[in-house]
C-alpha atoms as a PDB file:
ATOM      1  CA  MET A   1     -10.679   9.533  -1.391  1.00  0.00           C
ATOM      2  CA  ASP A   2     -13.502   9.365  -3.914  1.00  0.00           C
ATOM      3  CA  HIS A   3     -14.212   5.935  -5.459  1.00  0.00           C
ATOM      4  CA  SER A   4     -14.068   7.417  -8.977  1.00  0.00           C
ATOM      5  CA  SER A   5     -10.632   8.993  -8.422  1.00  0.00           C
ATOM      6  CA  LEU A   6      -7.515   7.564 -10.101  1.00  0.00           C
ATOM      7  CA  GLN A   7      -4.582   8.453  -7.860  1.00  0.00           C
ATOM      8  CA  GLU A   8      -1.463   7.193  -6.164  1.00  0.00           C
ATOM      9  CA  LEU A   9      -2.005   5.866  -2.658  1.00  0.00           C
ATOM     10  CA  PHE A  10       0.990   6.713  -0.438  1.00  0.00           C
ATOM     11  CA  THR A  11       1.696   4.510   2.590  1.00  0.00           C
ATOM     12  CA  PRO A  12       4.573   5.731   4.800  1.00  0.00           C
ATOM     13  CA  VAL A  13       7.002   3.128   6.114  1.00  0.00           C
ATOM     14  CA  THR A  14       9.064   3.626   9.262  1.00  0.00           C
ATOM     15  CA  ALA A  15      12.206   1.476   9.381  1.00  0.00           C
ATOM     16  CA  ARG A  16      15.613   1.453  11.048  1.00  0.00           C
ATOM     17  CA  THR A  17      17.282   1.261   7.626  1.00  0.00           C
ATOM     18  CA  ASP A  18      16.254   2.492   4.186  1.00  0.00           C
ATOM     19  CA  PRO A  19      13.812  -0.091   2.745  1.00  0.00           C
ATOM     20  CA  THR A  20      13.771   1.404  -0.756  1.00  0.00           C
ATOM     21  CA  ASP A  21      16.474  -0.987  -2.009  1.00  0.00           C
ATOM     22  CA  TYR A  22      13.976  -3.855  -1.652  1.00  0.00           C
ATOM     23  CA  ASP A  23      10.941  -4.927  -3.654  1.00  0.00           C
ATOM     24  CA  VAL A  24       7.635  -3.800  -2.221  1.00  0.00           C
ATOM     25  CA  ARG A  25       4.058  -4.969  -2.692  1.00  0.00           C
ATOM     26  CA  VAL A  26       0.820  -3.390  -1.499  1.00  0.00           C
ATOM     27  CA  ALA A  27      -2.610  -4.877  -0.831  1.00  0.00           C
ATOM     28  CA  VAL A  28      -5.573  -2.531  -0.412  1.00  0.00           C
ATOM     29  CA  ILE A  29      -8.430  -4.404   1.220  1.00  0.00           C
ATOM     30  CA  PRO A  30     -11.486  -3.720   3.363  1.00  0.00           C
ATOM     31  CA  ASP A  31     -10.718  -2.804   6.961  1.00  0.00           C
ATOM     32  CA  GLY A  32     -10.853  -5.852   9.223  1.00  0.00           C
ATOM     33  CA  ALA A  33      -9.693  -8.299   6.526  1.00  0.00           C
ATOM     34  CA  ARG A  34      -6.236  -9.779   6.035  1.00  0.00           C
ATOM     35  CA  PRO A  35      -4.602  -9.933   2.596  1.00  0.00           C
ATOM     36  CA  GLU A  36      -4.670 -13.131   0.599  1.00  0.00           C
ATOM     37  CA  ALA A  37      -2.129 -14.033  -2.087  1.00  0.00           C
ATOM     38  CA  SER A  38      -4.299 -12.588  -4.879  1.00  0.00           C
ATOM     39  CA  ASP A  39      -4.590  -9.180  -3.130  1.00  0.00           C
ATOM     40  CA  TRP A  40      -0.915  -8.204  -3.446  1.00  0.00           C
ATOM     41  CA  ARG A  41       0.196  -5.816  -6.214  1.00  0.00           C
ATOM     42  CA  ASP A  42       3.719  -4.749  -7.142  1.00  0.00           C
ATOM     43  CA  ALA A  43       4.316  -1.213  -5.881  1.00  0.00           C
ATOM     44  CA  GLU A  44       7.028   1.431  -6.037  1.00  0.00           C
ATOM     45  CA  TRP A  45       8.934   3.539  -3.558  1.00  0.00           C
ATOM     46  CA  VAL A  46       9.088   7.314  -3.222  1.00  0.00           C
ATOM     47  CA  THR A  47      10.781   9.237  -0.415  1.00  0.00           C
ATOM     48  CA  ILE A  48       9.072  12.383   0.866  1.00  0.00           C
ATOM     49  CA  GLY A  49      10.752  14.507   3.516  1.00  0.00           C
ATOM     50  CA  GLY A  50      13.100  11.647   4.367  1.00  0.00           C
ATOM     51  CA  THR A  51      10.279   9.131   4.890  1.00  0.00           C
ATOM     52  CA  PRO A  52       9.927   6.237   2.427  1.00  0.00           C
ATOM     53  CA  HIS A  53       6.405   5.623   1.094  1.00  0.00           C
ATOM     54  CA  ALA A  54       5.105   2.585  -0.781  1.00  0.00           C
ATOM     55  CA  ILE A  55       2.931   3.868  -3.630  1.00  0.00           C
ATOM     56  CA  LEU A  56       0.250   2.149  -5.679  1.00  0.00           C
ATOM     57  CA  LEU A  57      -2.066   3.598  -8.326  1.00  0.00           C
ATOM     58  CA  VAL A  58      -5.663   2.953  -7.246  1.00  0.00           C
ATOM     59  CA  GLY A  59      -9.004   3.674  -8.894  1.00  0.00           C
ATOM     60  CA  PRO A  60     -10.461   3.073 -12.355  1.00  0.00           C
ATOM     61  CA  THR A  61      -7.740   1.535 -14.590  1.00  0.00           C
ATOM     62  CA  GLY A  62      -5.355   1.449 -11.588  1.00  0.00           C
ATOM     63  CA  ALA A  63      -3.903  -1.605  -9.866  1.00  0.00           C
ATOM     64  CA  VAL A  64      -6.945  -1.783  -7.567  1.00  0.00           C
ATOM     65  CA  GLN A  65     -10.495  -0.462  -8.048  1.00  0.00           C
ATOM     66  CA  LEU A  66     -12.068   0.642  -4.767  1.00  0.00           C
ATOM     67  CA  SER A  67     -15.773   0.907  -4.038  1.00  0.00           C
ATOM     68  CA  ARG A  68     -17.227   2.914  -1.158  1.00  0.00           C
ATOM     69  CA  GLY A  69     -16.162   1.739   2.300  1.00  0.00           C
ATOM     70  CA  MET A  70     -13.331   1.567   4.831  1.00  0.00           C
ATOM     71  CA  TYR A  71      -9.962   0.160   3.730  1.00  0.00           C
ATOM     72  CA  ARG A  72      -6.397  -0.410   4.899  1.00  0.00           C
ATOM     73  CA  ALA A  73      -3.234  -0.562   2.826  1.00  0.00           C
ATOM     74  CA  TRP A  74      -0.928  -3.448   3.716  1.00  0.00           C
ATOM     75  CA  VAL A  75       2.748  -3.211   2.730  1.00  0.00           C
ATOM     76  CA  GLU A  76       5.033  -6.222   2.268  1.00  0.00           C
ATOM     77  CA  ILE A  77       8.778  -5.652   1.888  1.00  0.00           C
ATOM     78  CA  ALA A  78      10.959  -8.409   0.427  1.00  0.00           C
ATOM     79  CA  ALA A  79      14.166  -7.940   2.461  1.00  0.00           C
ATOM     80  CA  PRO A  80      15.688 -11.438   2.634  1.00  0.00           C
ATOM     81  CA  PRO A  81      15.761 -13.237   4.909  1.00  0.00           C
ATOM     82  CA  GLU A  82      13.007 -11.012   6.334  1.00  0.00           C
ATOM     83  CA  LYS A  83       9.629 -10.147   4.820  1.00  0.00           C
ATOM     84  CA  PRO A  84       8.036  -7.541   7.089  1.00  0.00           C
ATOM     85  CA  VAL A  85       4.332  -6.758   6.649  1.00  0.00           C
ATOM     86  CA  ILE A  86       2.832  -3.543   8.009  1.00  0.00           C
ATOM     87  CA  PHE A  87      -0.540  -1.885   7.576  1.00  0.00           C
ATOM     88  CA  SER A  88      -1.894   1.646   7.453  1.00  0.00           C
ATOM     89  CA  PRO A  89      -4.564   3.217   9.589  1.00  0.00           C
ATOM     90  CA  PRO A  90      -8.024   2.746   8.078  1.00  0.00           C
ATOM     91  CA  PHE A  91      -9.159   5.236   5.437  1.00  0.00           C
ATOM     92  CA  HIS A  92     -12.551   5.985   3.926  1.00  0.00           C
ATOM     93  CA  VAL A  93     -13.499   5.795   0.241  1.00  0.00           C
ATOM     94  CA  THR A  94     -16.618   7.797  -0.602  1.00  0.00           C
END
């Protein structure tokens, strides 16, 4: 992904049941860091080929502006009483 690109970041979520009925938040942070409260952004769901994906608009004027470096997307699903948190493999922003 180029740092000047404005695009949706898709993070696939594997679950035993369909998570798309629940609220989802995404944090996109440098690889090796853990999200803090201020990193989380409200996200949306989209299902592609039967797999749910948490999506967040990133880049200039998006929910998160990314500079060059390695990042991970963290996904938090509000599924009371549970609140699972998963993360993506690292990805590079050029």
